[in-house]
Amino acid sequence: MSGFGEETLSVLENLRANDSPGGFGDNRRIDNAAVRGAAKGFAGALAHLLEVETGRAHEHKIYRLHRDLRFPKDSTPCDTHIHMSARPVGGGAGRPAWMPGLEPAK
């Protein structure tokens, strides 16, 4: 997939409607294509645009949808939104970061 589309939003809406332990496992293959693939493309393009604008290479990260259930107060196993980040390569904790997100309308 080359970008976010109806399938991406459909996966996120389905997770919101049925956020159960089995729900994510059943959709892992779809998630990888429709969600993670689209997010990687978007984050990579964002990092490239930031490099062009700032003259510094940027790295990007896609945050996973499934959650570690050991510690949260609610026990929903998945996030129903996509989070990404892009920041300059090197530096340290003081580097600026851009953190776009995508979620279906509520």
Protein backbone atom coordinates (compact mmCIF):
# COMPACT_ATOMS: atom_id res chain seq x y z
CA MET A 1 0.00 0.00 0.00
CA SER A 2 1.33 3.44 -0.88
CA GLY A 3 -0.53 5.54 1.67
CA PHE A 4 -3.32 5.78 4.18
CA GLY A 5 -6.64 4.78 2.70
CA GLU A 6 -10.05 3.37 3.47
CA GLU A 7 -8.52 0.03 4.51
CA THR A 8 -6.31 1.77 7.09
CA LEU A 9 -9.27 3.55 8.65
CA SER A 10 -11.33 0.36 8.49
CA VAL A 11 -8.69 -1.56 10.50
CA LEU A 12 -8.57 1.20 13.13
CA GLU A 13 -12.36 1.42 13.34
CA ASN A 14 -12.61 -2.37 13.70
CA LEU A 15 -10.07 -2.30 16.51
CA ARG A 16 -12.04 0.44 18.26
CA ALA A 17 -15.28 -1.56 17.95
CA ASN A 18 -13.74 -4.90 18.99
CA ASP A 19 -10.63 -4.19 21.06
CA SER A 20 -10.26 -7.65 22.51
CA PRO A 21 -7.17 -9.83 22.98
CA GLY A 22 -8.01 -11.89 19.88
CA GLY A 23 -8.96 -8.91 17.75
CA PHE A 24 -5.45 -7.74 16.96
CA GLY A 25 -4.08 -11.23 16.34
CA ASP A 26 -6.80 -11.90 13.80
CA ASN A 27 -5.94 -8.69 11.96
CA ARG A 28 -2.13 -8.79 12.17
CA ARG A 29 -1.64 -9.50 8.44
CA ILE A 30 -4.07 -6.75 7.46
CA ASP A 31 -2.48 -4.41 9.98
CA ASN A 32 0.97 -4.92 8.50
CA ALA A 33 -0.21 -4.02 5.01
CA ALA A 34 -2.85 -1.36 5.65
CA VAL A 35 -1.54 0.31 8.79
CA ARG A 36 2.16 -0.29 9.31
CA GLY A 37 3.05 -0.16 5.61
CA ALA A 38 1.15 3.08 5.10
CA ALA A 39 2.65 4.59 8.26
CA LYS A 40 6.19 3.67 7.18
CA GLY A 41 5.62 5.35 3.83
CA PHE A 42 4.23 8.50 5.45
CA ALA A 43 6.92 8.70 8.14
CA GLY A 44 9.67 8.12 5.57
CA ALA A 45 8.29 10.90 3.36
CA LEU A 46 8.03 13.21 6.38
CA ALA A 47 11.65 12.47 7.38
CA HIS A 48 12.76 13.22 3.81
CA LEU A 49 10.86 16.52 3.71
CA LEU A 50 12.32 17.52 7.08
CA GLU A 51 15.81 16.71 5.81
CA VAL A 52 15.24 18.89 2.73
CA GLU A 53 13.94 21.76 4.88
CA THR A 54 16.54 21.57 7.67
CA GLY A 55 19.61 20.18 5.91
CA ARG A 56 19.87 17.42 8.56
CA ALA A 57 19.09 13.72 8.13
CA HIS A 58 16.03 12.58 10.08
CA GLU A 59 15.09 9.15 11.40
CA HIS A 60 11.53 7.97 11.81
CA LYS A 61 9.73 5.54 14.08
CA ILE A 62 6.33 3.87 13.92
CA TYR A 63 4.79 3.00 17.28
CA ARG A 64 3.11 -0.39 17.55
CA LEU A 65 -0.65 -0.81 17.82
CA HIS A 66 -0.58 -3.65 20.34
CA ARG A 67 0.05 -2.61 23.92
CA ASP A 68 1.90 -4.11 26.87
CA LEU A 69 -0.99 -5.10 29.13
CA ARG A 70 1.05 -5.49 32.30
CA PHE A 71 0.82 -1.89 33.44
CA PRO A 72 -2.03 0.20 31.95
CA LYS A 73 -5.10 1.01 34.01
CA ASP A 74 -7.38 0.02 31.17
CA SER A 75 -6.80 -3.39 29.64
CA THR A 76 -7.48 -2.69 25.99
CA PRO A 77 -4.85 -4.63 24.04
CA CYS A 78 -4.56 -2.22 21.11
CA ASP A 79 -4.27 1.45 20.43
CA THR A 80 -6.89 2.52 17.91
CA HIS A 81 -4.69 5.22 16.41
CA ILE A 82 -1.33 5.37 14.64
CA HIS A 83 1.55 7.32 16.17
CA MET A 84 4.78 8.12 14.35
CA SER A 85 7.79 10.29 15.04
CA ALA A 86 10.58 11.93 13.05
CA ARG A 87 13.65 13.56 14.58
CA PRO A 88 17.15 14.60 13.51
CA VAL A 89 19.73 11.81 13.50
CA GLY A 90 22.29 12.06 16.31
CA GLY A 91 22.30 14.70 18.98
CA GLY A 92 20.64 13.61 22.17
CA ALA A 93 17.59 14.03 24.31
CA GLY A 94 17.25 17.69 23.35
CA ARG A 95 16.51 16.98 19.69
CA PRO A 96 13.19 18.30 18.37
CA ALA A 97 10.67 15.66 17.37
CA TRP A 98 7.65 15.75 15.10
CA MET A 99 4.97 13.30 16.23
CA PRO A 100 2.04 13.04 13.80
CA GLY A 101 -0.86 10.71 14.45
CA LEU A 102 -3.90 9.34 12.68
CA GLU A 103 -7.16 8.06 14.11
CA PRO A 104 -10.64 7.56 12.72
CA ALA A 105 -13.30 10.12 13.59
CA LYS A 106 -15.05 9.45 16.87
